[in-house]
Amino acid sequence: MVGKDDILVSVGLPVRNGAGRMAGVVESVLAQDHAKLELVISDNASSDGTEDLCRSLAARDSRVVYHRNPVNVGMLNNFVNTLMLATGTYFRWVGDDDWLHPHCLSRALDIFTADDRLVLVTNEVEYAGEDGVPRIASYDGAALGSSDPVERFAEYLRLLTDDTLQIDPLYGTLRRESVLHIGRRNILREDEVYATKLALAGPWGHVPEVLARRIWKYENMSVLANRLDVPRWQAPFATLLQCREMLHWLAECDLTGQQRHRARLAVARMFMRRQQNSVTRRGRKVARIAREVAPSLHRAADAHRDPSDSHG
């Protein structure tokens, strides 16, 4: 029987022009208390000093595996590259400005070894926002450990609709062989679609500790589309396209007719709630603009009022 300490864990670091950001996350990965690991860096045709830095890292530490794409293959394909290049039993992505707690991988392995059903183990994450105030992504994780794939699927959609930072499955630890077959397509909110596919693939475990730190900032859909090399026309229809992709995947999953019906209802509920939230946000924005503009309109009206209208 293979002991926990003998299990290889791969950490995938997709990067492009990250020479000035990478030092912290690389140091945190190589400082893990689970020694048997590989750090797979996929360099997406960087034009700065990323290649020189990565080759230097690989020369100094045999756990670093460096791959360079000769041309820019896009952000999503570069993420997938790290998973395909990895050889570990378990796998975790990191961003080039992330940080992992020294116990991050070992705590995940504790959960995996206690339950061989699991395809993913998440942990609490501290987000550093643009305002500098740290925020913890926290949830109890119980329903996502269910043996019912639709219960897991619906629970993830609920969490996603309530608060997108409540759970971060894309940056959890995966049982690599269990997810290699899961296809991905470059659309807006693809990370959320991928997470629903993980929920359908098997139960999740959770470590209720802050074991990672990530940088988070809001980007509108048009800006995000440009960064992900997605057609900008998709931006107004991001939720619709996301739901359509989920429905396509549900049609391919090994579900009973009743399970598929329940899952489709969960998608419909998420779509309606997001539409309602969108209407509410627009209403608040209009009200805010009205409050800001009203004093100026009143001053303009007073300035142009005809003195003969006064009855004093």
Protein backbone atom coordinates (compact mmCIF):
# COMPACT_ATOMS: atom_id res chain seq x y z
CA MET A 1 0.00 0.00 0.00
CA VAL A 2 1.36 3.42 -0.99
CA GLY A 3 1.70 5.77 1.97
CA LYS A 4 0.55 9.36 1.81
CA ASP A 5 4.13 10.65 1.78
CA ASP A 6 4.87 8.59 -1.35
CA ILE A 7 2.04 10.07 -3.44
CA LEU A 8 3.15 12.50 -6.14
CA VAL A 9 1.18 15.76 -6.26
CA SER A 10 1.48 18.07 -9.26
CA VAL A 11 0.98 21.82 -9.09
CA GLY A 12 0.28 23.52 -12.41
CA LEU A 13 1.41 27.10 -12.97
CA PRO A 14 0.24 28.55 -16.30
CA VAL A 15 2.01 31.85 -16.94
CA ARG A 16 2.55 34.54 -19.55
CA ASN A 17 4.91 37.45 -18.92
CA GLY A 18 4.94 36.74 -15.19
CA ALA A 19 8.62 37.21 -14.37
CA GLY A 20 7.84 40.04 -11.98
CA ARG A 21 5.06 38.17 -10.16
CA MET A 22 6.10 34.53 -9.92
CA ALA A 23 8.67 34.47 -7.12
CA GLY A 24 6.17 34.32 -4.25
CA VAL A 25 3.99 31.51 -5.57
CA VAL A 26 6.96 29.38 -6.68
CA GLU A 27 8.54 29.74 -3.25
CA SER A 28 5.26 28.77 -1.54
CA VAL A 29 4.83 25.67 -3.72
CA LEU A 30 8.38 24.43 -3.19
CA ALA A 31 8.02 25.04 0.58
CA GLN A 32 5.12 22.57 0.94
CA ASP A 33 5.46 20.08 3.79
CA HIS A 34 4.46 17.35 1.34
CA ALA A 35 7.85 16.83 -0.27
CA LYS A 36 6.90 14.57 -3.18
CA LEU A 37 5.63 17.14 -5.67
CA GLU A 38 6.28 18.56 -9.09
CA LEU A 39 5.72 22.15 -10.16
CA VAL A 40 4.69 22.15 -13.82
CA ILE A 41 5.18 25.58 -15.39
CA SER A 42 3.63 26.17 -18.81
CA ASP A 43 5.00 29.38 -20.29
CA ASN A 44 2.63 30.76 -22.89
CA ALA A 45 5.23 32.31 -25.25
CA SER A 46 6.27 35.02 -22.77
CA SER A 47 8.19 37.98 -24.16
CA ASP A 48 9.69 39.17 -20.86
CA GLY A 49 12.20 37.39 -18.61
CA THR A 50 9.86 34.51 -17.72
CA GLU A 51 11.76 31.91 -19.76
CA ASP A 52 15.14 32.73 -18.23
CA LEU A 53 13.65 32.73 -14.71
CA CYS A 54 11.90 29.38 -15.22
CA ARG A 55 14.94 27.68 -16.72
CA SER A 56 16.97 28.89 -13.77
CA LEU A 57 14.36 27.51 -11.34
CA ALA A 58 14.32 24.14 -13.10
CA ALA A 59 18.13 23.96 -13.01
CA ARG A 60 18.17 24.61 -9.25
CA ASP A 61 15.30 22.30 -8.23
CA SER A 62 14.51 18.99 -9.94
CA ARG A 63 10.87 19.28 -8.85
CA VAL A 64 10.34 22.14 -11.33
CA VAL A 65 9.23 21.01 -14.81
CA TYR A 66 9.35 23.79 -17.41
CA HIS A 67 7.51 23.80 -20.75
CA ARG A 68 7.38 26.72 -23.18
CA ASN A 69 4.73 27.14 -25.86
CA PRO A 70 6.38 28.52 -29.02
CA VAL A 71 3.24 30.59 -29.72
CA ASN A 72 0.46 32.01 -27.56
CA VAL A 73 -2.15 29.24 -27.31
CA GLY A 74 -4.59 31.26 -25.19
CA MET A 75 -5.18 31.29 -21.44
CA LEU A 76 -7.53 28.29 -21.28
CA ASN A 77 -5.33 26.05 -23.42
CA ASN A 78 -2.34 26.97 -21.31
CA PHE A 79 -4.23 25.95 -18.17
CA VAL A 80 -5.14 22.63 -19.79
CA ASN A 81 -1.49 22.18 -20.84
CA THR A 82 -0.32 22.07 -17.23
CA LEU A 83 -2.86 19.35 -16.40
CA MET A 84 -1.83 17.26 -19.40
CA LEU A 85 1.90 17.67 -18.70
CA ALA A 86 1.51 16.70 -15.03
CA THR A 87 2.21 13.17 -13.83
CA GLY A 88 0.97 13.31 -10.23
CA THR A 89 -1.90 11.31 -8.76
CA TYR A 90 -3.34 14.64 -7.60
CA PHE A 91 -3.18 18.05 -9.23
CA ARG A 92 -3.76 21.67 -8.28
CA TRP A 93 -3.60 24.89 -10.33
CA VAL A 94 -2.05 28.09 -8.99
CA GLY A 95 -1.99 31.58 -10.45
CA ASP A 96 1.28 33.43 -10.96
CA ASP A 97 0.47 35.84 -8.10
CA ASP A 98 -1.07 33.27 -5.69
CA TRP A 99 0.33 31.91 -2.42
CA LEU A 100 -0.12 28.48 -0.80
CA HIS A 101 0.12 27.69 2.91
CA PRO A 102 2.86 25.09 3.65
CA HIS A 103 0.16 22.59 4.70
CA CYS A 104 -2.04 23.16 1.63
CA LEU A 105 -1.26 19.92 -0.22
CA SER A 106 -0.89 17.69 2.84
CA ARG A 107 -4.24 18.78 4.26
CA ALA A 108 -5.92 17.95 0.93
CA LEU A 109 -4.24 14.53 0.88
CA ASP A 110 -5.58 13.82 4.37
CA ILE A 111 -9.12 14.32 3.04
CA PHE A 112 -8.52 12.27 -0.11
CA THR A 113 -7.03 9.31 1.76
CA ALA A 114 -10.04 9.25 4.11
CA ASP A 115 -12.57 9.01 1.24
CA ASP A 116 -11.68 7.38 -2.08
CA ARG A 117 -14.92 8.64 -3.71
CA LEU A 118 -13.64 12.21 -3.91
CA VAL A 119 -12.59 13.90 -7.16
CA LEU A 120 -11.85 17.32 -5.63
CA VAL A 121 -10.84 18.78 -2.28
CA THR A 122 -11.33 22.51 -1.75
CA ASN A 123 -10.12 24.76 1.04
CA GLU A 124 -10.87 28.22 2.33
CA VAL A 125 -9.18 31.03 0.40
CA GLU A 126 -8.21 34.53 1.42
CA TYR A 127 -8.84 37.03 -1.36
CA ALA A 128 -6.97 40.31 -1.55
CA GLY A 129 -9.28 42.77 -3.30
CA GLU A 130 -8.62 46.12 -4.93
CA ASP A 131 -9.59 47.86 -1.67
CA GLY A 132 -6.85 45.98 0.19
CA VAL A 133 -9.34 44.41 2.59
CA PRO A 134 -8.84 40.61 2.83
CA ARG A 135 -11.90 38.44 2.34
CA ILE A 136 -12.28 34.76 3.21
CA ALA A 137 -14.10 32.38 0.86
CA SER A 138 -15.90 30.05 3.26
CA TYR A 139 -18.70 27.46 3.12
CA ASP A 140 -19.56 24.24 4.95
CA GLY A 141 -19.16 21.92 1.93
CA ALA A 142 -21.60 19.27 3.18
CA ALA A 143 -23.92 19.00 0.16
CA LEU A 144 -20.99 18.85 -2.25
CA GLY A 145 -19.93 15.60 -0.61
CA SER A 146 -23.24 13.96 -1.50
CA SER A 147 -23.36 10.74 -3.53
CA ASP A 148 -26.15 12.31 -5.60
CA PRO A 149 -24.58 14.13 -8.60
CA VAL A 150 -27.57 16.44 -9.04
CA GLU A 151 -27.52 17.48 -5.40
CA ARG A 152 -23.86 18.45 -5.81
CA PHE A 153 -24.60 20.21 -9.11
CA ALA A 154 -27.52 22.20 -7.69
CA GLU A 155 -25.62 23.13 -4.54
CA TYR A 156 -22.72 24.52 -6.54
CA LEU A 157 -25.11 26.59 -8.68
CA ARG A 158 -26.73 27.91 -5.49
CA LEU A 159 -23.39 28.95 -4.02
CA LEU A 160 -22.36 30.47 -7.33
CA THR A 161 -25.52 32.57 -7.54
CA ASP A 162 -25.36 33.69 -3.91
CA ASP A 163 -21.69 34.72 -3.98
CA THR A 164 -19.09 33.81 -6.62
CA LEU A 165 -16.28 34.06 -4.04
CA GLN A 166 -17.89 31.65 -1.60
CA ILE A 167 -16.13 28.65 -3.11
CA ASP A 168 -13.14 28.31 -5.45
CA PRO A 169 -13.21 24.81 -7.01
CA LEU A 170 -10.93 25.67 -9.95
CA TYR A 171 -8.12 26.17 -7.44
CA GLY A 172 -8.82 23.08 -5.34
CA THR A 173 -6.86 19.82 -5.47
CA LEU A 174 -8.08 17.32 -8.08
CA ARG A 175 -7.78 13.56 -8.46
CA ARG A 176 -6.09 13.94 -11.84
CA GLU A 177 -7.20 10.73 -13.58
CA SER A 178 -10.83 11.45 -12.68
CA VAL A 179 -10.93 14.75 -14.56
CA LEU A 180 -8.74 14.21 -17.63
CA HIS A 181 -11.78 13.27 -19.74
CA ILE A 182 -13.67 16.48 -18.94
CA GLY A 183 -13.78 18.70 -22.01
CA ARG A 184 -13.47 22.48 -21.86
CA ARG A 185 -14.50 25.18 -24.32
CA ASN A 186 -13.34 28.79 -24.35
CA ILE A 187 -16.37 30.88 -23.39
CA LEU A 188 -17.00 33.54 -20.77
CA ARG A 189 -17.52 32.03 -17.29
CA GLU A 190 -15.97 28.79 -18.51
CA ASP A 191 -14.39 28.28 -15.09
CA GLU A 192 -17.85 28.13 -13.55
CA VAL A 193 -19.03 25.69 -16.22
CA TYR A 194 -15.98 23.52 -15.57
CA ALA A 195 -16.79 23.49 -11.86
CA THR A 196 -20.30 22.18 -12.59
CA LYS A 197 -18.71 19.38 -14.60
CA LEU A 198 -16.50 18.57 -11.60
CA ALA A 199 -19.58 18.50 -9.37
CA LEU A 200 -21.20 15.95 -11.67
CA ALA A 201 -17.98 13.90 -11.86
CA GLY A 202 -17.93 12.96 -8.18
CA PRO A 203 -18.18 14.08 -4.54
CA TRP A 204 -16.03 16.89 -3.17
CA GLY A 205 -14.24 17.18 0.14
CA HIS A 206 -13.33 20.36 1.95
CA VAL A 207 -10.64 21.59 4.35
CA PRO A 208 -12.16 24.33 6.57
CA GLU A 209 -8.88 26.23 6.85
CA VAL A 210 -7.43 29.18 4.94
CA LEU A 211 -4.70 27.46 2.94
CA ALA A 212 -4.32 29.80 -0.04
CA ARG A 213 -4.30 33.46 -0.91
CA ARG A 214 -5.36 34.88 -4.25
CA ILE A 215 -5.62 38.32 -5.83
CA TRP A 216 -9.12 39.20 -6.99
CA LYS A 217 -10.41 42.17 -8.95
CA TYR A 218 -13.65 42.80 -10.75
CA GLU A 219 -13.52 42.88 -14.55
CA ASN A 220 -16.52 43.64 -16.73
CA MET A 221 -17.43 41.06 -19.34
CA SER A 222 -16.09 43.04 -22.32
CA VAL A 223 -12.65 43.43 -20.71
CA LEU A 224 -12.67 39.77 -19.69
CA ALA A 225 -13.62 38.67 -23.19
CA ASN A 226 -10.62 40.50 -24.60
CA ARG A 227 -8.26 38.97 -22.03
CA LEU A 228 -9.57 35.45 -22.67
CA ASP A 229 -9.57 35.90 -26.45
CA VAL A 230 -13.34 35.35 -26.57
CA PRO A 231 -15.49 37.23 -29.15
CA ARG A 232 -16.77 40.42 -27.51
CA TRP A 233 -20.31 39.81 -28.78
CA GLN A 234 -20.56 37.11 -26.10
CA ALA A 235 -20.32 39.64 -23.26
CA PRO A 236 -24.06 40.58 -23.07
CA PHE A 237 -25.02 36.90 -23.35
CA ALA A 238 -22.51 35.40 -20.90
CA THR A 239 -25.12 33.85 -18.60
CA LEU A 240 -27.20 32.49 -21.49
CA LEU A 241 -24.15 30.89 -23.14
CA GLN A 242 -22.99 29.51 -19.80
CA CYS A 243 -26.35 27.86 -19.17
CA ARG A 244 -26.46 26.46 -22.70
CA GLU A 245 -23.03 24.87 -22.19
CA MET A 246 -24.20 23.30 -18.93
CA LEU A 247 -27.27 21.87 -20.63
CA HIS A 248 -25.13 20.39 -23.40
CA TRP A 249 -22.93 18.69 -20.82
CA LEU A 250 -25.93 17.35 -18.92
CA ALA A 251 -27.10 15.67 -22.13
CA GLU A 252 -23.77 13.78 -22.28
CA CYS A 253 -23.58 12.76 -18.62
CA ASP A 254 -24.52 9.34 -17.31
CA LEU A 255 -27.69 10.45 -15.53
CA THR A 256 -31.16 8.95 -15.28
CA GLY A 257 -34.02 10.80 -16.94
CA GLN A 258 -35.24 12.04 -13.56
CA GLN A 259 -31.76 13.24 -12.55
CA ARG A 260 -31.34 15.07 -15.84
CA HIS A 261 -34.72 16.78 -15.33
CA ARG A 262 -33.74 17.91 -11.82
CA ALA A 263 -30.41 19.22 -13.08
CA ARG A 264 -32.06 21.19 -15.89
CA LEU A 265 -34.42 22.77 -13.37
CA ALA A 266 -31.39 23.81 -11.29
CA VAL A 267 -29.90 25.52 -14.37
CA ALA A 268 -33.21 27.30 -15.02
CA ARG A 269 -33.34 28.52 -11.42
CA MET A 270 -29.79 29.86 -11.65
CA PHE A 271 -30.56 31.65 -14.91
CA MET A 272 -33.68 33.29 -13.48
CA ARG A 273 -31.92 34.37 -10.29
CA ARG A 274 -29.06 35.89 -12.25
CA GLN A 275 -31.49 37.76 -14.46
CA GLN A 276 -33.28 39.08 -11.38
CA ASN A 277 -29.97 40.09 -9.81
CA SER A 278 -29.01 41.86 -13.03
CA VAL A 279 -32.27 43.82 -13.08
CA THR A 280 -31.79 44.75 -9.41
CA ARG A 281 -28.23 45.97 -10.06
CA ARG A 282 -29.37 48.05 -13.02
CA GLY A 283 -32.14 49.58 -10.90
CA ARG A 284 -29.65 50.50 -8.17
CA LYS A 285 -27.31 52.00 -10.74
CA VAL A 286 -30.09 54.13 -12.25
CA ALA A 287 -31.16 55.26 -8.76
CA ARG A 288 -27.59 56.19 -7.86
CA ILE A 289 -27.10 58.16 -11.06
CA ALA A 290 -30.42 59.92 -10.45
CA ARG A 291 -29.32 60.92 -6.93
CA GLU A 292 -26.02 62.24 -8.26
CA VAL A 293 -27.59 64.15 -11.15
CA ALA A 294 -30.63 65.56 -9.30
CA PRO A 295 -28.80 68.41 -7.46
CA SER A 296 -27.28 69.62 -10.73
CA LEU A 297 -30.67 69.57 -12.42
CA HIS A 298 -32.21 71.55 -9.56
CA ARG A 299 -29.43 74.16 -9.72
CA ALA A 300 -29.83 74.45 -13.49
CA ALA A 301 -33.57 74.88 -13.10
CA ASP A 302 -33.14 77.57 -10.44
CA ALA A 303 -30.61 79.44 -12.62
CA HIS A 304 -33.02 79.56 -15.59
CA ARG A 305 -36.20 80.27 -13.66
CA ASP A 306 -38.08 83.34 -14.94
CA PRO A 307 -38.20 85.99 -12.17
CA SER A 308 -41.77 86.84 -13.21
CA ASP A 309 -42.80 83.38 -11.98
CA SER A 310 -42.10 84.47 -8.40
CA HIS A 311 -45.18 85.26 -6.28
CA GLY A 312 -43.26 86.81 -3.35
